[in-house]
Amino acid sequence: MLRVGDLQRSIDFYTQVLGMQLLRKSENPQYKYTLAFVGYGSNPDHAELELTYNWGTDSYDMGTAFGHVALGVTDAYAACEKIRAAGGNITREPGPVKGGTTVIAFVTDPDGYKIELIQRDA
């Protein structure tokens, strides 16, 4: 779960830039929050990312326990070009991880969360 400052902006990023689908959305007026679940498919076959918008809160401090979300991709170079073309922010260009051969890249979402792209064989 990621707390986000602008739910529609985050939904747009994860769906239009990273190519996920909006799986479902729900509001809880009593406790003043809205949830949106995005992913490349639904549980249990695929992981889902829960985006939580607490009404009236437009930003959060990043916690020191959070590292990043990681996504497997078949071609990190092509994924970064597609993300860049869609307006995404590549913060580490694709290339081998230090001390290894696995190709990785990083992109940052609109709230500053880091997303690692890990190239995996298809």
PDB file of N, CA and C in Angstrom:
ATOM      1  N   MET A   1       0.847  -1.172   0.000  1.00  0.00           N
ATOM      2  CA  MET A   1       0.000   0.000   0.000  1.00  0.00           C
ATOM      3  C   MET A   1       0.891   1.233   0.000  1.00  0.00           C
ATOM      4  N   LEU A   2       0.536   2.189  -0.843  1.00  0.00           N
ATOM      5  CA  LEU A   2       1.214   3.478  -0.880  1.00  0.00           C
ATOM      6  C   LEU A   2       0.192   4.567  -0.617  1.00  0.00           C
ATOM      7  N   ARG A   3       0.519   5.494   0.293  1.00  0.00           N
ATOM      8  CA  ARG A   3      -0.344   6.647   0.522  1.00  0.00           C
ATOM      9  C   ARG A   3       0.025   7.709  -0.514  1.00  0.00           C
ATOM     10  N   VAL A   4      -0.968   8.229  -1.200  1.00  0.00           N
ATOM     11  CA  VAL A   4      -0.717   9.173  -2.288  1.00  0.00           C
ATOM     12  C   VAL A   4      -1.423  10.498  -2.030  1.00  0.00           C
ATOM     13  N   GLY A   5      -0.867  11.581  -2.581  1.00  0.00           N
ATOM     14  CA  GLY A   5      -1.408  12.918  -2.350  1.00  0.00           C
ATOM     15  C   GLY A   5      -2.465  13.348  -3.343  1.00  0.00           C
ATOM     16  N   ASP A   6      -2.527  12.712  -4.494  1.00  0.00           N
ATOM     17  CA  ASP A   6      -3.523  13.041  -5.516  1.00  0.00           C
ATOM     18  C   ASP A   6      -3.871  11.718  -6.199  1.00  0.00           C
ATOM     19  N   LEU A   7      -5.017  11.163  -5.861  1.00  0.00           N
ATOM     20  CA  LEU A   7      -5.356   9.818  -6.309  1.00  0.00           C
ATOM     21  C   LEU A   7      -5.431   9.708  -7.829  1.00  0.00           C
ATOM     22  N   GLN A   8      -6.079  10.644  -8.488  1.00  0.00           N
ATOM     23  CA  GLN A   8      -6.202  10.539  -9.939  1.00  0.00           C
ATOM     24  C   GLN A   8      -4.841  10.641 -10.622  1.00  0.00           C
ATOM     25  N   ARG A   9      -3.985  11.520 -10.123  1.00  0.00           N
ATOM     26  CA  ARG A   9      -2.630  11.648 -10.675  1.00  0.00           C
ATOM     27  C   ARG A   9      -1.887  10.320 -10.557  1.00  0.00           C
ATOM     28  N   SER A  10      -2.034   9.653  -9.423  1.00  0.00           N
ATOM     29  CA  SER A  10      -1.360   8.371  -9.217  1.00  0.00           C
ATOM     30  C   SER A  10      -1.964   7.270 -10.079  1.00  0.00           C
ATOM     31  N   ILE A  11      -3.291   7.233 -10.167  1.00  0.00           N
ATOM     32  CA  ILE A  11      -3.942   6.251 -11.049  1.00  0.00           C
ATOM     33  C   ILE A  11      -3.461   6.455 -12.484  1.00  0.00           C
ATOM     34  N   ASP A  12      -3.414   7.710 -12.923  1.00  0.00           N
ATOM     35  CA  ASP A  12      -2.938   8.002 -14.281  1.00  0.00           C
ATOM     36  C   ASP A  12      -1.505   7.523 -14.477  1.00  0.00           C
ATOM     37  N   PHE A  13      -0.637   7.743 -13.509  1.00  0.00           N
ATOM     38  CA  PHE A  13       0.762   7.302 -13.619  1.00  0.00           C
ATOM     39  C   PHE A  13       0.842   5.785 -13.748  1.00  0.00           C
ATOM     40  N   TYR A  14       0.208   5.078 -12.832  1.00  0.00           N
ATOM     41  CA  TYR A  14       0.330   3.612 -12.834  1.00  0.00           C
ATOM     42  C   TYR A  14      -0.364   2.968 -14.031  1.00  0.00           C
ATOM     43  N   THR A  15      -1.422   3.586 -14.543  1.00  0.00           N
ATOM     44  CA  THR A  15      -2.113   2.992 -15.693  1.00  0.00           C
ATOM     45  C   THR A  15      -1.535   3.491 -17.015  1.00  0.00           C
ATOM     46  N   GLN A  16      -1.339   4.781 -17.165  1.00  0.00           N
ATOM     47  CA  GLN A  16      -0.899   5.336 -18.447  1.00  0.00           C
ATOM     48  C   GLN A  16       0.609   5.262 -18.652  1.00  0.00           C
ATOM     49  N   VAL A  17       1.392   5.383 -17.588  1.00  0.00           N
ATOM     50  CA  VAL A  17       2.854   5.365 -17.716  1.00  0.00           C
ATOM     51  C   VAL A  17       3.410   3.957 -17.529  1.00  0.00           C
ATOM     52  N   LEU A  18       2.934   3.227 -16.505  1.00  0.00           N
ATOM     53  CA  LEU A  18       3.445   1.879 -16.265  1.00  0.00           C
ATOM     54  C   LEU A  18       2.586   0.780 -16.883  1.00  0.00           C
ATOM     55  N   GLY A  19       1.450   1.136 -17.454  1.00  0.00           N
ATOM     56  CA  GLY A  19       0.639   0.159 -18.178  1.00  0.00           C
ATOM     57  C   GLY A  19      -0.190  -0.785 -17.325  1.00  0.00           C
ATOM     58  N   MET A  20      -0.395  -0.447 -16.052  1.00  0.00           N
ATOM     59  CA  MET A  20      -1.252  -1.266 -15.201  1.00  0.00           C
ATOM     60  C   MET A  20      -2.711  -0.963 -15.514  1.00  0.00           C
ATOM     61  N   GLN A  21      -3.600  -1.714 -14.895  1.00  0.00           N
ATOM     62  CA  GLN A  21      -5.036  -1.490 -15.018  1.00  0.00           C
ATOM     63  C   GLN A  21      -5.572  -1.034 -13.666  1.00  0.00           C
ATOM     64  N   LEU A  22      -6.582  -0.171 -13.701  1.00  0.00           N
ATOM     65  CA  LEU A  22      -7.315   0.150 -12.473  1.00  0.00           C
ATOM     66  C   LEU A  22      -8.248  -1.026 -12.248  1.00  0.00           C
ATOM     67  N   LEU A  23      -8.017  -1.786 -11.184  1.00  0.00           N
ATOM     68  CA  LEU A  23      -8.771  -3.013 -10.923  1.00  0.00           C
ATOM     69  C   LEU A  23     -10.069  -2.739 -10.169  1.00  0.00           C
ATOM     70  N   ARG A  24     -10.009  -1.836  -9.206  1.00  0.00           N
ATOM     71  CA  ARG A  24     -11.213  -1.466  -8.462  1.00  0.00           C
ATOM     72  C   ARG A  24     -10.895  -0.236  -7.612  1.00  0.00           C
ATOM     73  N   LYS A  25     -11.953   0.423  -7.198  1.00  0.00           N
ATOM     74  CA  LYS A  25     -11.829   1.646  -6.419  1.00  0.00           C
ATOM     75  C   LYS A  25     -12.982   1.690  -5.431  1.00  0.00           C
ATOM     76  N   SER A  26     -12.710   2.149  -4.215  1.00  0.00           N
ATOM     77  CA  SER A  26     -13.781   2.263  -3.223  1.00  0.00           C
ATOM     78  C   SER A  26     -13.536   3.474  -2.335  1.00  0.00           C
ATOM     79  N   GLU A  27     -14.640   4.061  -1.866  1.00  0.00           N
ATOM     80  CA  GLU A  27     -14.559   5.214  -0.975  1.00  0.00           C
ATOM     81  C   GLU A  27     -15.115   4.851   0.389  1.00  0.00           C
ATOM     82  N   ASN A  28     -14.552   5.458   1.417  1.00  0.00           N
ATOM     83  CA  ASN A  28     -15.048   5.281   2.768  1.00  0.00           C
ATOM     84  C   ASN A  28     -15.282   6.674   3.361  1.00  0.00           C
ATOM     85  N   PRO A  29     -16.488   7.221   3.123  1.00  0.00           N
ATOM     86  CA  PRO A  29     -16.786   8.579   3.605  1.00  0.00           C
ATOM     87  C   PRO A  29     -16.691   8.723   5.121  1.00  0.00           C
ATOM     88  N   GLN A  30     -17.048   7.673   5.861  1.00  0.00           N
ATOM     89  CA  GLN A  30     -17.011   7.762   7.321  1.00  0.00           C
ATOM     90  C   GLN A  30     -15.596   8.055   7.820  1.00  0.00           C
ATOM     91  N   TYR A  31     -14.599   7.419   7.212  1.00  0.00           N
ATOM     92  CA  TYR A  31     -13.207   7.600   7.647  1.00  0.00           C
ATOM     93  C   TYR A  31     -12.407   8.469   6.677  1.00  0.00           C
ATOM     94  N   LYS A  32     -13.058   9.009   5.651  1.00  0.00           N
ATOM     95  CA  LYS A  32     -12.493   9.992   4.736  1.00  0.00           C
ATOM     96  C   LYS A  32     -11.249   9.500   4.003  1.00  0.00           C
ATOM     97  N   TYR A  33     -11.395   8.358   3.331  1.00  0.00           N
ATOM     98  CA  TYR A  33     -10.317   7.894   2.471  1.00  0.00           C
ATOM     99  C   TYR A  33     -10.896   7.161   1.266  1.00  0.00           C
ATOM    100  N   THR A  34     -10.088   7.086   0.207  1.00  0.00           N
ATOM    101  CA  THR A  34     -10.446   6.363  -1.000  1.00  0.00           C
ATOM    102  C   THR A  34      -9.310   5.406  -1.336  1.00  0.00           C
ATOM    103  N   LEU A  35      -9.666   4.205  -1.737  1.00  0.00           N
ATOM    104  CA  LEU A  35      -8.690   3.190  -2.136  1.00  0.00           C
ATOM    105  C   LEU A  35      -8.819   2.926  -3.631  1.00  0.00           C
ATOM    106  N   ALA A  36      -7.691   2.734  -4.279  1.00  0.00           N
ATOM    107  CA  ALA A  36      -7.669   2.304  -5.675  1.00  0.00           C
ATOM    108  C   ALA A  36      -6.651   1.179  -5.773  1.00  0.00           C
ATOM    109  N   PHE A  37      -7.030   0.101  -6.422  1.00  0.00           N
ATOM    110  CA  PHE A  37      -6.132  -1.033  -6.610  1.00  0.00           C
ATOM    111  C   PHE A  37      -5.740  -1.092  -8.082  1.00  0.00           C
ATOM    112  N   VAL A  38      -4.437  -1.135  -8.343  1.00  0.00           N
ATOM    113  CA  VAL A  38      -3.914  -1.211  -9.703  1.00  0.00           C
ATOM    114  C   VAL A  38      -3.019  -2.440  -9.823  1.00  0.00           C
ATOM    115  N   GLY A  39      -2.862  -2.931 -11.044  1.00  0.00           N
ATOM    116  CA  GLY A  39      -1.985  -4.072 -11.276  1.00  0.00           C
ATOM    117  C   GLY A  39      -2.055  -4.512 -12.720  1.00  0.00           C
ATOM    118  N   TYR A  40      -1.277  -5.523 -13.044  1.00  0.00           N
ATOM    119  CA  TYR A  40      -1.265  -6.087 -14.397  1.00  0.00           C
ATOM    120  C   TYR A  40      -2.286  -7.212 -14.529  1.00  0.00           C
ATOM    121  N   GLY A  41      -2.986  -7.499 -13.466  1.00  0.00           N
ATOM    122  CA  GLY A  41      -4.028  -8.502 -13.393  1.00  0.00           C
ATOM    123  C   GLY A  41      -4.441  -8.592 -11.937  1.00  0.00           C
ATOM    124  N   SER A  42      -5.462  -9.384 -11.653  1.00  0.00           N
ATOM    125  CA  SER A  42      -6.006  -9.458 -10.287  1.00  0.00           C
ATOM    126  C   SER A  42      -5.386 -10.592  -9.481  1.00  0.00           C
ATOM    127  N   ASN A  43      -5.452 -10.434  -8.162  1.00  0.00           N
ATOM    128  CA  ASN A  43      -5.081 -11.510  -7.248  1.00  0.00           C
ATOM    129  C   ASN A  43      -6.009 -12.684  -7.482  1.00  0.00           C
ATOM    130  N   PRO A  44      -5.632 -13.924  -7.310  1.00  0.00           N
ATOM    131  CA  PRO A  44      -4.339 -14.339  -6.772  1.00  0.00           C
ATOM    132  C   PRO A  44      -3.274 -14.556  -7.839  1.00  0.00           C
ATOM    133  N   ASP A  45      -3.602 -14.394  -9.105  1.00  0.00           N
ATOM    134  CA  ASP A  45      -2.617 -14.654 -10.160  1.00  0.00           C
ATOM    135  C   ASP A  45      -1.577 -13.553 -10.305  1.00  0.00           C
ATOM    136  N   HIS A  46      -1.906 -12.331  -9.906  1.00  0.00           N
ATOM    137  CA  HIS A  46      -1.005 -11.184 -10.034  1.00  0.00           C
ATOM    138  C   HIS A  46      -1.044 -10.372  -8.746  1.00  0.00           C
ATOM    139  N   ALA A  47       0.062  -9.729  -8.454  1.00  0.00           N
ATOM    140  CA  ALA A  47       0.100  -8.827  -7.304  1.00  0.00           C
ATOM    141  C   ALA A  47      -0.688  -7.561  -7.638  1.00  0.00           C
ATOM    142  N   GLU A  48      -1.246  -6.954  -6.629  1.00  0.00           N
ATOM    143  CA  GLU A  48      -1.957  -5.696  -6.772  1.00  0.00           C
ATOM    144  C   GLU A  48      -1.289  -4.661  -5.889  1.00  0.00           C
ATOM    145  N   LEU A  49      -1.324  -3.418  -6.314  1.00  0.00           N
ATOM    146  CA  LEU A  49      -0.796  -2.313  -5.534  1.00  0.00           C
ATOM    147  C   LEU A  49      -1.976  -1.469  -5.070  1.00  0.00           C
ATOM    148  N   GLU A  50      -2.071  -1.274  -3.768  1.00  0.00           N
ATOM    149  CA  GLU A  50      -3.151  -0.478  -3.187  1.00  0.00           C
ATOM    150  C   GLU A  50      -2.672   0.963  -3.047  1.00  0.00           C
ATOM    151  N   LEU A  51      -3.396   1.887  -3.646  1.00  0.00           N
ATOM    152  CA  LEU A  51      -3.131   3.313  -3.506  1.00  0.00           C
ATOM    153  C   LEU A  51      -4.174   3.879  -2.558  1.00  0.00           C
ATOM    154  N   THR A  52      -3.733   4.512  -1.488  1.00  0.00           N
ATOM    155  CA  THR A  52      -4.645   5.058  -0.481  1.00  0.00           C
ATOM    156  C   THR A  52      -4.567   6.576  -0.494  1.00  0.00           C
ATOM    157  N   TYR A  53      -5.722   7.209  -0.676  1.00  0.00           N
ATOM    158  CA  TYR A  53      -5.798   8.665  -0.597  1.00  0.00           C
ATOM    159  C   TYR A  53      -6.612   9.018   0.636  1.00  0.00           C
ATOM    160  N   ASN A  54      -5.962   9.653   1.613  1.00  0.00           N
ATOM    161  CA  ASN A  54      -6.637  10.168   2.798  1.00  0.00           C
ATOM    162  C   ASN A  54      -7.069  11.590   2.464  1.00  0.00           C
ATOM    163  N   TRP A  55      -8.381  11.802   2.432  1.00  0.00           N
ATOM    164  CA  TRP A  55      -8.951  13.064   1.990  1.00  0.00           C
ATOM    165  C   TRP A  55      -8.299  14.246   2.701  1.00  0.00           C
ATOM    166  N   GLY A  56      -7.891  15.218   1.926  1.00  0.00           N
ATOM    167  CA  GLY A  56      -7.321  16.433   2.483  1.00  0.00           C
ATOM    168  C   GLY A  56      -5.821  16.377   2.730  1.00  0.00           C
ATOM    169  N   THR A  57      -5.185  15.253   2.488  1.00  0.00           N
ATOM    170  CA  THR A  57      -3.735  15.133   2.673  1.00  0.00           C
ATOM    171  C   THR A  57      -3.085  15.062   1.302  1.00  0.00           C
ATOM    172  N   ASP A  58      -2.262  16.063   0.984  1.00  0.00           N
ATOM    173  CA  ASP A  58      -1.700  16.094  -0.359  1.00  0.00           C
ATOM    174  C   ASP A  58      -0.243  15.668  -0.458  1.00  0.00           C
ATOM    175  N   SER A  59       0.404  15.339   0.665  1.00  0.00           N
ATOM    176  CA  SER A  59       1.778  14.832   0.598  1.00  0.00           C
ATOM    177  C   SER A  59       2.132  14.119   1.905  1.00  0.00           C
ATOM    178  N   TYR A  60       3.155  13.296   1.817  1.00  0.00           N
ATOM    179  CA  TYR A  60       3.644  12.518   2.964  1.00  0.00           C
ATOM    180  C   TYR A  60       5.157  12.576   2.989  1.00  0.00           C
ATOM    181  N   ASP A  61       5.732  12.407   4.175  1.00  0.00           N
ATOM    182  CA  ASP A  61       7.173  12.212   4.294  1.00  0.00           C
ATOM    183  C   ASP A  61       7.457  10.750   4.018  1.00  0.00           C
ATOM    184  N   MET A  62       8.521  10.483   3.288  1.00  0.00           N
ATOM    185  CA  MET A  62       8.907   9.100   3.016  1.00  0.00           C
ATOM    186  C   MET A  62       9.468   8.487   4.297  1.00  0.00           C
ATOM    187  N   GLY A  63       8.994   7.302   4.624  1.00  0.00           N
ATOM    188  CA  GLY A  63       9.500   6.593   5.802  1.00  0.00           C
ATOM    189  C   GLY A  63      10.847   5.947   5.509  1.00  0.00           C
ATOM    190  N   THR A  64      11.640   5.770   6.516  1.00  0.00           N
ATOM    191  CA  THR A  64      12.963   5.169   6.310  1.00  0.00           C
ATOM    192  C   THR A  64      12.894   3.666   6.099  1.00  0.00           C
ATOM    193  N   ALA A  65      11.769   3.040   6.405  1.00  0.00           N
ATOM    194  CA  ALA A  65      11.642   1.593   6.203  1.00  0.00           C
ATOM    195  C   ALA A  65      11.290   1.246   4.758  1.00  0.00           C
ATOM    196  N   PHE A  66      10.725   2.206   4.019  1.00  0.00           N
ATOM    197  CA  PHE A  66      10.334   1.943   2.640  1.00  0.00           C
ATOM    198  C   PHE A  66      11.561   2.021   1.750  1.00  0.00           C
ATOM    199  N   GLY A  67      11.737   1.008   0.895  1.00  0.00           N
ATOM    200  CA  GLY A  67      12.831   1.022  -0.069  1.00  0.00           C
ATOM    201  C   GLY A  67      12.307   1.363  -1.437  1.00  0.00           C
ATOM    202  N   HIS A  68      11.653   0.398  -2.067  1.00  0.00           N
ATOM    203  CA  HIS A  68      11.062   0.626  -3.384  1.00  0.00           C
ATOM    204  C   HIS A  68      10.174  -0.555  -3.747  1.00  0.00           C
ATOM    205  N   VAL A  69       9.343  -0.342  -4.752  1.00  0.00           N
ATOM    206  CA  VAL A  69       8.530  -1.390  -5.350  1.00  0.00           C
ATOM    207  C   VAL A  69       9.339  -1.923  -6.523  1.00  0.00           C
ATOM    208  N   ALA A  70       9.313  -3.234  -6.756  1.00  0.00           N
ATOM    209  CA  ALA A  70      10.054  -3.813  -7.882  1.00  0.00           C
ATOM    210  C   ALA A  70       9.087  -4.494  -8.843  1.00  0.00           C
ATOM    211  N   LEU A  71       9.303  -4.260 -10.142  1.00  0.00           N
ATOM    212  CA  LEU A  71       8.501  -4.866 -11.197  1.00  0.00           C
ATOM    213  C   LEU A  71       9.414  -5.593 -12.172  1.00  0.00           C
ATOM    214  N   GLY A  72       9.047  -6.806 -12.561  1.00  0.00           N
ATOM    215  CA  GLY A  72       9.790  -7.528 -13.578  1.00  0.00           C
ATOM    216  C   GLY A  72       9.365  -7.080 -14.958  1.00  0.00           C
ATOM    217  N   VAL A  73      10.326  -6.880 -15.854  1.00  0.00           N
ATOM    218  CA  VAL A  73      10.060  -6.505 -17.246  1.00  0.00           C
ATOM    219  C   VAL A  73      10.932  -7.370 -18.149  1.00  0.00           C
ATOM    220  N   THR A  74      10.493  -7.574 -19.387  1.00  0.00           N
ATOM    221  CA  THR A  74      11.295  -8.398 -20.296  1.00  0.00           C
ATOM    222  C   THR A  74      12.436  -7.609 -20.919  1.00  0.00           C
ATOM    223  N   ASP A  75      12.298  -6.292 -21.047  1.00  0.00           N
ATOM    224  CA  ASP A  75      13.329  -5.458 -21.646  1.00  0.00           C
ATOM    225  C   ASP A  75      13.322  -4.105 -20.936  1.00  0.00           C
ATOM    226  N   ALA A  76      14.274  -3.891 -20.039  1.00  0.00           N
ATOM    227  CA  ALA A  76      14.322  -2.655 -19.250  1.00  0.00           C
ATOM    228  C   ALA A  76      14.562  -1.432 -20.123  1.00  0.00           C
ATOM    229  N   TYR A  77      15.351  -1.585 -21.179  1.00  0.00           N
ATOM    230  CA  TYR A  77      15.634  -0.455 -22.077  1.00  0.00           C
ATOM    231  C   TYR A  77      14.352  -0.003 -22.787  1.00  0.00           C
ATOM    232  N   ALA A  78      13.616  -0.952 -23.348  1.00  0.00           N
ATOM    233  CA  ALA A  78      12.355  -0.635 -24.037  1.00  0.00           C
ATOM    234  C   ALA A  78      11.326  -0.096 -23.049  1.00  0.00           C
ATOM    235  N   ALA A  79      11.263  -0.678 -21.849  1.00  0.00           N
ATOM    236  CA  ALA A  79      10.315  -0.212 -20.838  1.00  0.00           C
ATOM    237  C   ALA A  79      10.592   1.243 -20.475  1.00  0.00           C
ATOM    238  N   CYS A  80      11.865   1.596 -20.329  1.00  0.00           N
ATOM    239  CA  CYS A  80      12.211   2.979 -19.983  1.00  0.00           C
ATOM    240  C   CYS A  80      11.854   3.938 -21.112  1.00  0.00           C
ATOM    241  N   GLU A  81      12.071   3.544 -22.352  1.00  0.00           N
ATOM    242  CA  GLU A  81      11.702   4.408 -23.470  1.00  0.00           C
ATOM    243  C   GLU A  81      10.193   4.639 -23.491  1.00  0.00           C
ATOM    244  N   LYS A  82       9.430   3.581 -23.247  1.00  0.00           N
ATOM    245  CA  LYS A  82       7.970   3.707 -23.222  1.00  0.00           C
ATOM    246  C   LYS A  82       7.517   4.601 -22.057  1.00  0.00           C
ATOM    247  N   ILE A  83       8.129   4.408 -20.894  1.00  0.00           N
ATOM    248  CA  ILE A  83       7.799   5.212 -19.715  1.00  0.00           C
ATOM    249  C   ILE A  83       8.166   6.670 -19.958  1.00  0.00           C
ATOM    250  N   ARG A  84       9.338   6.916 -20.513  1.00  0.00           N
ATOM    251  CA  ARG A  84       9.779   8.287 -20.805  1.00  0.00           C
ATOM    252  C   ARG A  84       8.819   8.955 -21.798  1.00  0.00           C
ATOM    253  N   ALA A  85       8.422   8.214 -22.835  1.00  0.00           N
ATOM    254  CA  ALA A  85       7.510   8.762 -23.848  1.00  0.00           C
ATOM    255  C   ALA A  85       6.151   9.105 -23.251  1.00  0.00           C
ATOM    256  N   ALA A  86       5.763   8.387 -22.188  1.00  0.00           N
ATOM    257  CA  ALA A  86       4.475   8.648 -21.532  1.00  0.00           C
ATOM    258  C   ALA A  86       4.590   9.719 -20.450  1.00  0.00           C
ATOM    259  N   GLY A  87       5.780  10.310 -20.303  1.00  0.00           N
ATOM    260  CA  GLY A  87       5.960  11.386 -19.333  1.00  0.00           C
ATOM    261  C   GLY A  87       6.520  10.940 -18.000  1.00  0.00           C
ATOM    262  N   GLY A  88       6.953   9.689 -17.891  1.00  0.00           N
ATOM    263  CA  GLY A  88       7.518   9.178 -16.642  1.00  0.00           C
ATOM    264  C   GLY A  88       8.928   9.689 -16.403  1.00  0.00           C
ATOM    265  N   ASN A  89       9.346   9.645 -15.145  1.00  0.00           N
ATOM    266  CA  ASN A  89      10.647  10.155 -14.723  1.00  0.00           C
ATOM    267  C   ASN A  89      11.605   8.992 -14.450  1.00  0.00           C
ATOM    268  N   ILE A  90      12.539   8.759 -15.359  1.00  0.00           N
ATOM    269  CA  ILE A  90      13.546   7.716 -15.175  1.00  0.00           C
ATOM    270  C   ILE A  90      14.646   8.303 -14.300  1.00  0.00           C
ATOM    271  N   THR A  91      14.876   7.712 -13.132  1.00  0.00           N
ATOM    272  CA  THR A  91      15.870   8.249 -12.212  1.00  0.00           C
ATOM    273  C   THR A  91      17.159   7.436 -12.202  1.00  0.00           C
ATOM    274  N   ARG A  92      17.151   6.269 -12.817  1.00  0.00           N
ATOM    275  CA  ARG A  92      18.370   5.479 -13.045  1.00  0.00           C
ATOM    276  C   ARG A  92      18.177   4.793 -14.380  1.00  0.00           C
ATOM    277  N   GLU A  93      19.009   5.155 -15.330  1.00  0.00           N
ATOM    278  CA  GLU A  93      18.906   4.572 -16.664  1.00  0.00           C
ATOM    279  C   GLU A  93      19.185   3.063 -16.589  1.00  0.00           C
ATOM    280  N   PRO A  94      18.647   2.293 -17.526  1.00  0.00           N
ATOM    281  CA  PRO A  94      18.866   0.851 -17.518  1.00  0.00           C
ATOM    282  C   PRO A  94      20.340   0.499 -17.680  1.00  0.00           C
ATOM    283  N   GLY A  95      20.730  -0.521 -16.983  1.00  0.00           N
ATOM    284  CA  GLY A  95      22.100  -1.029 -17.063  1.00  0.00           C
ATOM    285  C   GLY A  95      22.312  -2.080 -16.000  1.00  0.00           C
ATOM    286  N   PRO A  96      23.452  -2.764 -16.060  1.00  0.00           N
ATOM    287  CA  PRO A  96      23.727  -3.829 -15.082  1.00  0.00           C
ATOM    288  C   PRO A  96      23.805  -3.281 -13.656  1.00  0.00           C
ATOM    289  N   VAL A  97      23.312  -4.084 -12.734  1.00  0.00           N
ATOM    290  CA  VAL A  97      23.409  -3.751 -11.322  1.00  0.00           C
ATOM    291  C   VAL A  97      24.894  -3.782 -10.937  1.00  0.00           C
ATOM    292  N   LYS A  98      25.295  -2.940  -9.997  1.00  0.00           N
ATOM    293  CA  LYS A  98      26.694  -2.912  -9.567  1.00  0.00           C
ATOM    294  C   LYS A  98      27.119  -4.297  -9.097  1.00  0.00           C
ATOM    295  N   GLY A  99      28.222  -4.776  -9.627  1.00  0.00           N
ATOM    296  CA  GLY A  99      28.764  -6.067  -9.217  1.00  0.00           C
ATOM    297  C   GLY A  99      28.035  -7.258  -9.813  1.00  0.00           C
ATOM    298  N   GLY A 100      27.172  -7.044 -10.812  1.00  0.00           N
ATOM    299  CA  GLY A 100      26.415  -8.149 -11.382  1.00  0.00           C
ATOM    300  C   GLY A 100      26.090  -7.916 -12.844  1.00  0.00           C
ATOM    301  N   THR A 101      25.228  -8.752 -13.371  1.00  0.00           N
ATOM    302  CA  THR A 101      24.857  -8.649 -14.774  1.00  0.00           C
ATOM    303  C   THR A 101      23.373  -8.369 -14.988  1.00  0.00           C
ATOM    304  N   THR A 102      22.556  -8.479 -13.946  1.00  0.00           N
ATOM    305  CA  THR A 102      21.125  -8.220 -14.078  1.00  0.00           C
ATOM    306  C   THR A 102      20.894  -6.759 -14.430  1.00  0.00           C
ATOM    307  N   VAL A 103      20.117  -6.520 -15.475  1.00  0.00           N
ATOM    308  CA  VAL A 103      19.828  -5.156 -15.915  1.00  0.00           C
ATOM    309  C   VAL A 103      18.652  -4.616 -15.108  1.00  0.00           C
ATOM    310  N   ILE A 104      18.861  -3.436 -14.521  1.00  0.00           N
ATOM    311  CA  ILE A 104      17.817  -2.777 -13.742  1.00  0.00           C
ATOM    312  C   ILE A 104      17.713  -1.313 -14.175  1.00  0.00           C
ATOM    313  N   ALA A 105      16.635  -0.678 -13.777  1.00  0.00           N
ATOM    314  CA  ALA A 105      16.433   0.758 -13.952  1.00  0.00           C
ATOM    315  C   ALA A 105      15.498   1.202 -12.835  1.00  0.00           C
ATOM    316  N   PHE A 106      15.418   2.504 -12.622  1.00  0.00           N
ATOM    317  CA  PHE A 106      14.485   3.041 -11.632  1.00  0.00           C
ATOM    318  C   PHE A 106      13.678   4.168 -12.241  1.00  0.00           C
ATOM    319  N   VAL A 107      12.413   4.217 -11.869  1.00  0.00           N
ATOM    320  CA  VAL A 107      11.501   5.292 -12.231  1.00  0.00           C
ATOM    321  C   VAL A 107      10.883   5.784 -10.925  1.00  0.00           C
ATOM    322  N   THR A 108      10.498   7.055 -10.893  1.00  0.00           N
ATOM    323  CA  THR A 108       9.882   7.635  -9.700  1.00  0.00           C
ATOM    324  C   THR A 108       8.456   8.033 -10.026  1.00  0.00           C
ATOM    325  N   ASP A 109       7.524   7.668  -9.133  1.00  0.00           N
ATOM    326  CA  ASP A 109       6.122   8.017  -9.370  1.00  0.00           C
ATOM    327  C   ASP A 109       5.866   9.459  -8.920  1.00  0.00           C
ATOM    328  N   PRO A 110       4.661   9.991  -9.157  1.00  0.00           N
ATOM    329  CA  PRO A 110       4.394  11.403  -8.838  1.00  0.00           C
ATOM    330  C   PRO A 110       4.524  11.769  -7.361  1.00  0.00           C
ATOM    331  N   ASP A 111       4.447  10.778  -6.465  1.00  0.00           N
ATOM    332  CA  ASP A 111       4.599  11.053  -5.036  1.00  0.00           C
ATOM    333  C   ASP A 111       6.022  10.833  -4.549  1.00  0.00           C
ATOM    334  N   GLY A 112       6.935  10.452  -5.458  1.00  0.00           N
ATOM    335  CA  GLY A 112       8.326  10.243  -5.080  1.00  0.00           C
ATOM    336  C   GLY A 112       8.692   8.808  -4.749  1.00  0.00           C
ATOM    337  N   TYR A 113       7.752   7.872  -4.887  1.00  0.00           N
ATOM    338  CA  TYR A 113       8.067   6.471  -4.626  1.00  0.00           C
ATOM    339  C   TYR A 113       8.941   5.922  -5.744  1.00  0.00           C
ATOM    340  N   LYS A 114       9.964   5.161  -5.385  1.00  0.00           N
ATOM    341  CA  LYS A 114      10.874   4.564  -6.351  1.00  0.00           C
ATOM    342  C   LYS A 114      10.339   3.220  -6.804  1.00  0.00           C
ATOM    343  N   ILE A 115      10.429   2.987  -8.110  1.00  0.00           N
ATOM    344  CA  ILE A 115       9.995   1.708  -8.698  1.00  0.00           C
ATOM    345  C   ILE A 115      11.163   1.160  -9.491  1.00  0.00           C
ATOM    346  N   GLU A 116      11.624  -0.007  -9.090  1.00  0.00           N
ATOM    347  CA  GLU A 116      12.734  -0.661  -9.787  1.00  0.00           C
ATOM    348  C   GLU A 116      12.177  -1.539 -10.894  1.00  0.00           C
ATOM    349  N   LEU A 117      12.767  -1.452 -12.060  1.00  0.00           N
ATOM    350  CA  LEU A 117      12.433  -2.351 -13.172  1.00  0.00           C
ATOM    351  C   LEU A 117      13.579  -3.351 -13.255  1.00  0.00           C
ATOM    352  N   ILE A 118      13.245  -4.632 -13.145  1.00  0.00           N
ATOM    353  CA  ILE A 118      14.243  -5.687 -13.198  1.00  0.00           C
ATOM    354  C   ILE A 118      14.018  -6.500 -14.460  1.00  0.00           C
ATOM    355  N   GLN A 119      15.026  -6.525 -15.325  1.00  0.00           N
ATOM    356  CA  GLN A 119      14.893  -7.259 -16.574  1.00  0.00           C
ATOM    357  C   GLN A 119      14.964  -8.753 -16.299  1.00  0.00           C
ATOM    358  N   ARG A 120      13.940  -9.455 -16.751  1.00  0.00           N
ATOM    359  CA  ARG A 120      13.835 -10.909 -16.591  1.00  0.00           C
ATOM    360  C   ARG A 120      13.644 -11.534 -17.948  1.00  0.00           C
ATOM    361  N   ASP A 121      14.188 -12.714 -18.141  1.00  0.00           N
ATOM    362  CA  ASP A 121      13.952 -13.427 -19.395  1.00  0.00           C
ATOM    363  C   ASP A 121      12.479 -13.797 -19.495  1.00  0.00           C
ATOM    364  N   ALA A 122      11.957 -13.696 -20.705  1.00  0.00           N
ATOM    365  CA  ALA A 122      10.539 -14.002 -20.931  1.00  0.00           C
ATOM    366  C   ALA A 122      10.259 -15.468 -20.782  1.00  0.00           C
TER     367      ALA A 122
END
